[in-house]
Amino acid sequence: MMSTIPAELKYVESHEWLRQEADGTVTVGITHHAQELLGDVVFVELPKVGSVLDKDGQAGVVESVKAASDVYCPIAGEVVAINEELEASPELANTDPYSDGWFFKIKPMNLADLDGCMNAAAYAKEIGA
């Protein structure tokens, strides 16, 4: 199960993952565990580029054949990019949640917000993996 929780990422209880990029931005997506709970993803609504999101504020919606679920922004900041490929092919959230299935990139207001996120081992414990 650990293989579905990449060690280099950070995680939050609402099942989003975060990856700090070399340019200072943070990429956000939903975890393998989240997409398994949702089932086949059929639609995603992403935030607008340029919008400023609060920590734990709603950033979008992901809809599957089972349910619709809010996507939260784990840290405060400005949205600098969205994954337009994901909007066209929402199944990428199922098939490649940690790479092609990313949701948005954010320029953090405070990088220290990442310190409050879980590492892979803590997230594995959180989900009982």
N, C-alpha and C. Protein backbone atom coordinates (compact mmCIF):
# COMPACT_ATOMS: atom_id res chain seq x y z
N MET A 1 0.83 -1.21 0.00
CA MET A 1 0.00 0.00 0.00
C MET A 1 0.86 1.25 0.00
N MET A 2 2.05 1.18 0.63
CA MET A 2 2.91 2.36 0.66
C MET A 2 3.29 2.81 -0.74
N SER A 3 3.31 1.89 -1.70
CA SER A 3 3.69 2.27 -3.06
C SER A 3 2.70 3.26 -3.66
N THR A 4 1.48 3.33 -3.12
CA THR A 4 0.50 4.29 -3.63
C THR A 4 0.52 5.58 -2.82
N ILE A 5 1.51 5.74 -1.95
CA ILE A 5 1.68 6.97 -1.17
C ILE A 5 3.12 7.43 -1.38
N PRO A 6 3.39 8.21 -2.42
CA PRO A 6 4.77 8.63 -2.69
C PRO A 6 5.41 9.33 -1.49
N ALA A 7 6.63 8.91 -1.18
CA ALA A 7 7.33 9.41 0.01
C ALA A 7 7.70 10.88 -0.09
N GLU A 8 7.86 11.41 -1.32
CA GLU A 8 8.34 12.78 -1.48
C GLU A 8 7.25 13.84 -1.35
N LEU A 9 5.99 13.42 -1.20
CA LEU A 9 4.88 14.37 -1.14
C LEU A 9 4.44 14.62 0.29
N LYS A 10 3.65 15.69 0.47
CA LYS A 10 3.00 16.00 1.74
C LYS A 10 1.51 15.71 1.57
N TYR A 11 0.82 15.50 2.68
CA TYR A 11 -0.59 15.11 2.63
C TYR A 11 -1.39 15.84 3.70
N VAL A 12 -2.72 15.94 3.46
CA VAL A 12 -3.61 16.50 4.47
C VAL A 12 -4.78 15.54 4.68
N GLU A 13 -5.49 15.73 5.79
CA GLU A 13 -6.58 14.81 6.17
C GLU A 13 -7.69 14.75 5.15
N SER A 14 -7.87 15.82 4.36
CA SER A 14 -8.94 15.82 3.36
C SER A 14 -8.50 15.13 2.07
N HIS A 15 -7.37 14.42 2.12
CA HIS A 15 -6.88 13.55 1.05
C HIS A 15 -6.37 14.28 -0.19
N GLU A 16 -5.84 15.49 0.02
CA GLU A 16 -5.10 16.14 -1.05
C GLU A 16 -3.61 15.89 -0.80
N TRP A 17 -2.84 15.83 -1.88
CA TRP A 17 -1.38 15.76 -1.75
C TRP A 17 -0.80 17.07 -2.24
N LEU A 18 0.43 17.37 -1.78
CA LEU A 18 1.12 18.60 -2.17
C LEU A 18 2.57 18.26 -2.54
N ARG A 19 3.05 18.90 -3.58
CA ARG A 19 4.45 18.73 -3.97
C ARG A 19 5.06 20.12 -4.16
N GLN A 20 6.10 20.42 -3.38
CA GLN A 20 6.79 21.70 -3.52
C GLN A 20 7.69 21.63 -4.74
N GLU A 21 7.52 22.57 -5.65
CA GLU A 21 8.29 22.60 -6.90
C GLU A 21 9.52 23.50 -6.74
N ALA A 22 10.48 23.33 -7.64
CA ALA A 22 11.73 24.09 -7.58
C ALA A 22 11.49 25.60 -7.74
N ASP A 23 10.42 25.99 -8.43
CA ASP A 23 10.15 27.41 -8.65
C ASP A 23 9.39 28.06 -7.50
N GLY A 24 9.17 27.30 -6.41
CA GLY A 24 8.50 27.86 -5.24
C GLY A 24 7.00 27.64 -5.23
N THR A 25 6.43 27.15 -6.34
CA THR A 25 5.00 26.85 -6.35
C THR A 25 4.77 25.49 -5.71
N VAL A 26 3.51 25.20 -5.43
CA VAL A 26 3.12 23.92 -4.84
C VAL A 26 2.02 23.32 -5.72
N THR A 27 2.26 22.10 -6.17
CA THR A 27 1.27 21.38 -6.97
C THR A 27 0.37 20.59 -6.03
N VAL A 28 -0.95 20.60 -6.32
CA VAL A 28 -1.94 19.94 -5.46
C VAL A 28 -2.76 18.97 -6.30
N GLY A 29 -3.05 17.82 -5.73
CA GLY A 29 -3.94 16.84 -6.35
C GLY A 29 -4.64 16.04 -5.28
N ILE A 30 -5.43 15.05 -5.69
CA ILE A 30 -6.06 14.16 -4.71
C ILE A 30 -5.29 12.85 -4.69
N THR A 31 -5.32 12.19 -3.54
CA THR A 31 -4.51 10.99 -3.35
C THR A 31 -5.12 9.77 -4.04
N HIS A 32 -4.29 8.75 -4.18
CA HIS A 32 -4.75 7.46 -4.70
C HIS A 32 -5.90 6.94 -3.86
N HIS A 33 -5.76 7.08 -2.53
CA HIS A 33 -6.82 6.63 -1.62
C HIS A 33 -8.13 7.37 -1.91
N ALA A 34 -8.05 8.68 -2.12
CA ALA A 34 -9.25 9.46 -2.39
C ALA A 34 -9.92 9.01 -3.68
N GLN A 35 -9.12 8.81 -4.73
CA GLN A 35 -9.74 8.42 -6.00
C GLN A 35 -10.32 7.01 -5.91
N GLU A 36 -9.74 6.15 -5.06
CA GLU A 36 -10.32 4.82 -4.86
C GLU A 36 -11.67 4.93 -4.17
N LEU A 37 -11.77 5.82 -3.19
CA LEU A 37 -13.04 6.01 -2.48
C LEU A 37 -14.11 6.57 -3.41
N LEU A 38 -13.70 7.47 -4.30
CA LEU A 38 -14.66 8.11 -5.20
C LEU A 38 -15.15 7.18 -6.29
N GLY A 39 -14.29 6.32 -6.78
CA GLY A 39 -14.64 5.51 -7.95
C GLY A 39 -14.33 6.30 -9.20
N ASP A 40 -14.95 5.93 -10.31
CA ASP A 40 -14.64 6.54 -11.60
C ASP A 40 -14.99 8.03 -11.61
N VAL A 41 -13.97 8.87 -11.75
CA VAL A 41 -14.16 10.32 -11.79
C VAL A 41 -14.68 10.71 -13.18
N VAL A 42 -15.78 11.48 -13.19
CA VAL A 42 -16.40 11.86 -14.46
C VAL A 42 -16.37 13.36 -14.73
N PHE A 43 -16.02 14.16 -13.71
CA PHE A 43 -16.00 15.61 -13.88
C PHE A 43 -15.14 16.24 -12.80
N VAL A 44 -14.38 17.26 -13.17
CA VAL A 44 -13.67 18.04 -12.16
C VAL A 44 -13.92 19.52 -12.43
N GLU A 45 -14.08 20.27 -11.36
CA GLU A 45 -14.17 21.72 -11.43
C GLU A 45 -12.95 22.26 -10.71
N LEU A 46 -12.15 23.03 -11.43
CA LEU A 46 -10.90 23.55 -10.87
C LEU A 46 -11.03 25.03 -10.57
N PRO A 47 -10.18 25.55 -9.67
CA PRO A 47 -10.23 26.99 -9.37
C PRO A 47 -9.76 27.81 -10.57
N LYS A 48 -10.07 29.08 -10.56
CA LYS A 48 -9.62 29.97 -11.65
C LYS A 48 -8.18 30.42 -11.38
N VAL A 49 -7.40 30.47 -12.45
CA VAL A 49 -6.04 30.99 -12.33
C VAL A 49 -6.13 32.45 -11.88
N GLY A 50 -5.34 32.81 -10.90
CA GLY A 50 -5.35 34.17 -10.37
C GLY A 50 -6.19 34.31 -9.12
N SER A 51 -7.02 33.32 -8.83
CA SER A 51 -7.83 33.41 -7.61
C SER A 51 -6.94 33.15 -6.40
N VAL A 52 -7.30 33.79 -5.30
CA VAL A 52 -6.56 33.62 -4.05
C VAL A 52 -7.41 32.76 -3.12
N LEU A 53 -6.82 31.65 -2.68
CA LEU A 53 -7.56 30.70 -1.86
C LEU A 53 -7.06 30.72 -0.43
N ASP A 54 -7.98 30.50 0.50
CA ASP A 54 -7.64 30.39 1.91
C ASP A 54 -7.21 28.96 2.22
N LYS A 55 -6.40 28.80 3.25
CA LYS A 55 -6.05 27.47 3.72
C LYS A 55 -7.34 26.76 4.11
N ASP A 56 -7.50 25.55 3.61
CA ASP A 56 -8.67 24.70 3.84
C ASP A 56 -9.93 25.24 3.17
N GLY A 57 -9.81 26.25 2.31
CA GLY A 57 -10.96 26.75 1.56
C GLY A 57 -11.25 25.83 0.37
N GLN A 58 -12.47 25.91 -0.14
CA GLN A 58 -12.84 25.08 -1.27
C GLN A 58 -12.11 25.55 -2.53
N ALA A 59 -11.48 24.59 -3.21
CA ALA A 59 -10.73 24.90 -4.42
C ALA A 59 -11.38 24.34 -5.67
N GLY A 60 -12.30 23.42 -5.49
CA GLY A 60 -12.94 22.80 -6.66
C GLY A 60 -13.85 21.68 -6.23
N VAL A 61 -14.30 20.94 -7.23
CA VAL A 61 -15.21 19.82 -6.99
C VAL A 61 -14.75 18.67 -7.88
N VAL A 62 -14.84 17.47 -7.35
CA VAL A 62 -14.60 16.29 -8.15
C VAL A 62 -15.85 15.41 -8.06
N GLU A 63 -16.35 15.02 -9.23
CA GLU A 63 -17.56 14.19 -9.27
C GLU A 63 -17.21 12.84 -9.85
N SER A 64 -17.77 11.81 -9.21
CA SER A 64 -17.57 10.45 -9.70
C SER A 64 -18.92 9.80 -9.90
N VAL A 65 -18.90 8.56 -10.34
CA VAL A 65 -20.15 7.84 -10.52
C VAL A 65 -20.83 7.59 -9.18
N LYS A 66 -20.07 7.69 -8.07
CA LYS A 66 -20.62 7.45 -6.73
C LYS A 66 -21.08 8.72 -6.03
N ALA A 67 -20.31 9.82 -6.18
CA ALA A 67 -20.57 11.00 -5.36
C ALA A 67 -19.83 12.22 -5.91
N ALA A 68 -20.19 13.37 -5.38
CA ALA A 68 -19.43 14.59 -5.64
C ALA A 68 -18.75 14.98 -4.34
N SER A 69 -17.53 15.48 -4.45
CA SER A 69 -16.77 15.82 -3.26
C SER A 69 -16.02 17.12 -3.50
N ASP A 70 -15.94 17.95 -2.48
CA ASP A 70 -15.17 19.18 -2.59
C ASP A 70 -13.68 18.87 -2.56
N VAL A 71 -12.93 19.69 -3.26
CA VAL A 71 -11.48 19.64 -3.21
C VAL A 71 -11.05 20.89 -2.45
N TYR A 72 -10.21 20.68 -1.43
CA TYR A 72 -9.80 21.79 -0.59
C TYR A 72 -8.38 22.22 -0.90
N CYS A 73 -8.10 23.49 -0.62
CA CYS A 73 -6.76 24.02 -0.80
C CYS A 73 -6.02 23.87 0.54
N PRO A 74 -5.00 23.01 0.58
CA PRO A 74 -4.34 22.73 1.86
C PRO A 74 -3.55 23.89 2.44
N ILE A 75 -3.17 24.86 1.60
CA ILE A 75 -2.41 26.02 2.07
C ILE A 75 -2.97 27.26 1.39
N ALA A 76 -2.78 28.41 2.01
CA ALA A 76 -3.26 29.66 1.43
C ALA A 76 -2.32 30.12 0.31
N GLY A 77 -2.90 30.70 -0.74
CA GLY A 77 -2.06 31.22 -1.80
C GLY A 77 -2.84 31.55 -3.05
N GLU A 78 -2.10 31.93 -4.10
CA GLU A 78 -2.71 32.32 -5.37
C GLU A 78 -2.56 31.18 -6.38
N VAL A 79 -3.64 30.84 -7.04
CA VAL A 79 -3.62 29.80 -8.06
C VAL A 79 -2.86 30.34 -9.28
N VAL A 80 -1.79 29.65 -9.67
CA VAL A 80 -0.97 30.11 -10.79
C VAL A 80 -1.14 29.22 -12.02
N ALA A 81 -1.72 28.04 -11.87
CA ALA A 81 -1.97 27.16 -13.01
C ALA A 81 -3.01 26.12 -12.63
N ILE A 82 -3.75 25.67 -13.63
CA ILE A 82 -4.67 24.55 -13.44
C ILE A 82 -4.35 23.50 -14.49
N ASN A 83 -4.75 22.27 -14.24
CA ASN A 83 -4.50 21.17 -15.16
C ASN A 83 -5.67 21.08 -16.15
N GLU A 84 -5.52 21.79 -17.27
CA GLU A 84 -6.59 21.80 -18.27
C GLU A 84 -6.80 20.42 -18.87
N GLU A 85 -5.75 19.61 -18.90
CA GLU A 85 -5.88 18.25 -19.42
C GLU A 85 -6.82 17.42 -18.54
N LEU A 86 -6.80 17.71 -17.23
CA LEU A 86 -7.67 17.00 -16.30
C LEU A 86 -9.14 17.37 -16.54
N GLU A 87 -9.39 18.62 -16.89
CA GLU A 87 -10.77 19.03 -17.18
C GLU A 87 -11.31 18.27 -18.39
N ALA A 88 -10.44 18.06 -19.38
CA ALA A 88 -10.86 17.35 -20.60
C ALA A 88 -10.92 15.84 -20.39
N SER A 89 -10.07 15.34 -19.49
CA SER A 89 -9.97 13.90 -19.24
C SER A 89 -9.96 13.64 -17.74
N PRO A 90 -11.12 13.80 -17.07
CA PRO A 90 -11.16 13.68 -15.61
C PRO A 90 -10.72 12.30 -15.10
N GLU A 91 -10.73 11.29 -15.96
CA GLU A 91 -10.31 9.96 -15.53
C GLU A 91 -8.82 9.92 -15.15
N LEU A 92 -8.06 10.96 -15.53
CA LEU A 92 -6.64 11.02 -15.13
C LEU A 92 -6.50 11.03 -13.61
N ALA A 93 -7.53 11.53 -12.90
CA ALA A 93 -7.49 11.51 -11.43
C ALA A 93 -7.48 10.08 -10.92
N ASN A 94 -8.07 9.16 -11.68
CA ASN A 94 -8.06 7.73 -11.31
C ASN A 94 -6.79 7.03 -11.78
N THR A 95 -6.40 7.29 -13.00
CA THR A 95 -5.32 6.50 -13.60
C THR A 95 -3.92 6.98 -13.21
N ASP A 96 -3.77 8.26 -12.88
CA ASP A 96 -2.44 8.79 -12.57
C ASP A 96 -2.55 9.95 -11.57
N PRO A 97 -3.07 9.67 -10.35
CA PRO A 97 -3.38 10.77 -9.42
C PRO A 97 -2.18 11.61 -8.99
N TYR A 98 -0.97 11.05 -9.04
CA TYR A 98 0.19 11.80 -8.56
C TYR A 98 1.00 12.45 -9.68
N SER A 99 0.60 12.30 -10.91
CA SER A 99 1.37 12.89 -12.01
C SER A 99 0.44 13.63 -12.97
N ASP A 100 -0.06 12.96 -14.01
CA ASP A 100 -0.92 13.63 -14.98
C ASP A 100 -2.26 14.07 -14.39
N GLY A 101 -2.63 13.53 -13.23
CA GLY A 101 -3.91 13.86 -12.61
C GLY A 101 -3.84 14.98 -11.59
N TRP A 102 -2.78 15.79 -11.61
CA TRP A 102 -2.70 16.92 -10.67
C TRP A 102 -3.85 17.89 -10.94
N PHE A 103 -4.20 18.70 -9.94
CA PHE A 103 -5.36 19.60 -10.06
C PHE A 103 -4.95 21.04 -10.33
N PHE A 104 -4.13 21.62 -9.46
CA PHE A 104 -3.74 23.02 -9.63
C PHE A 104 -2.41 23.29 -8.97
N LYS A 105 -1.80 24.41 -9.36
CA LYS A 105 -0.56 24.86 -8.74
C LYS A 105 -0.84 26.18 -8.05
N ILE A 106 -0.26 26.33 -6.88
CA ILE A 106 -0.52 27.52 -6.08
C ILE A 106 0.81 28.14 -5.66
N LYS A 107 0.83 29.47 -5.64
CA LYS A 107 1.98 30.21 -5.10
C LYS A 107 1.66 30.47 -3.64
N PRO A 108 2.33 29.77 -2.73
CA PRO A 108 1.94 29.86 -1.31
C PRO A 108 2.20 31.24 -0.71
N MET A 109 1.29 31.65 0.18
CA MET A 109 1.51 32.90 0.91
C MET A 109 2.55 32.68 1.99
N ASN A 110 2.61 31.45 2.53
CA ASN A 110 3.53 31.16 3.63
C ASN A 110 3.96 29.70 3.51
N LEU A 111 5.20 29.47 3.10
CA LEU A 111 5.69 28.10 2.93
C LEU A 111 5.65 27.32 4.24
N ALA A 112 5.63 28.00 5.36
CA ALA A 112 5.57 27.31 6.65
C ALA A 112 4.27 26.53 6.78
N ASP A 113 3.25 26.88 5.99
CA ASP A 113 2.00 26.12 6.01
C ASP A 113 2.25 24.65 5.67
N LEU A 114 3.29 24.39 4.86
CA LEU A 114 3.60 23.01 4.49
C LEU A 114 4.06 22.19 5.70
N ASP A 115 4.61 22.87 6.69
CA ASP A 115 5.11 22.17 7.87
C ASP A 115 3.99 21.46 8.62
N GLY A 116 2.78 21.94 8.48
CA GLY A 116 1.66 21.32 9.18
C GLY A 116 1.06 20.13 8.45
N CYS A 117 1.59 19.81 7.28
CA CYS A 117 1.07 18.69 6.50
C CYS A 117 1.75 17.38 6.93
N MET A 118 1.09 16.28 6.62
CA MET A 118 1.62 14.96 6.99
C MET A 118 2.65 14.48 5.97
N ASN A 119 3.61 13.68 6.45
CA ASN A 119 4.49 12.98 5.52
C ASN A 119 3.79 11.67 5.11
N ALA A 120 4.43 10.90 4.24
CA ALA A 120 3.80 9.69 3.71
C ALA A 120 3.48 8.69 4.81
N ALA A 121 4.38 8.53 5.76
CA ALA A 121 4.14 7.56 6.84
C ALA A 121 2.95 7.96 7.70
N ALA A 122 2.85 9.25 8.00
CA ALA A 122 1.73 9.72 8.81
C ALA A 122 0.41 9.59 8.04
N TYR A 123 0.46 9.87 6.74
CA TYR A 123 -0.77 9.73 5.93
C TYR A 123 -1.18 8.25 5.84
N ALA A 124 -0.21 7.37 5.68
CA ALA A 124 -0.52 5.93 5.63
C ALA A 124 -1.22 5.50 6.92
N LYS A 125 -0.73 6.00 8.05
CA LYS A 125 -1.36 5.68 9.34
C LYS A 125 -2.77 6.27 9.39
N GLU A 126 -2.91 7.51 8.88
CA GLU A 126 -4.20 8.20 8.87
C GLU A 126 -5.28 7.38 8.15
N ILE A 127 -4.89 6.77 7.03
CA ILE A 127 -5.88 6.04 6.22
C ILE A 127 -5.88 4.54 6.53
N GLY A 128 -5.06 4.13 7.50
CA GLY A 128 -5.03 2.72 7.88
C GLY A 128 -4.36 1.84 6.87
N ALA A 129 -3.41 2.39 6.13
CA ALA A 129 -2.70 1.60 5.11
C ALA A 129 -1.55 0.83 5.73
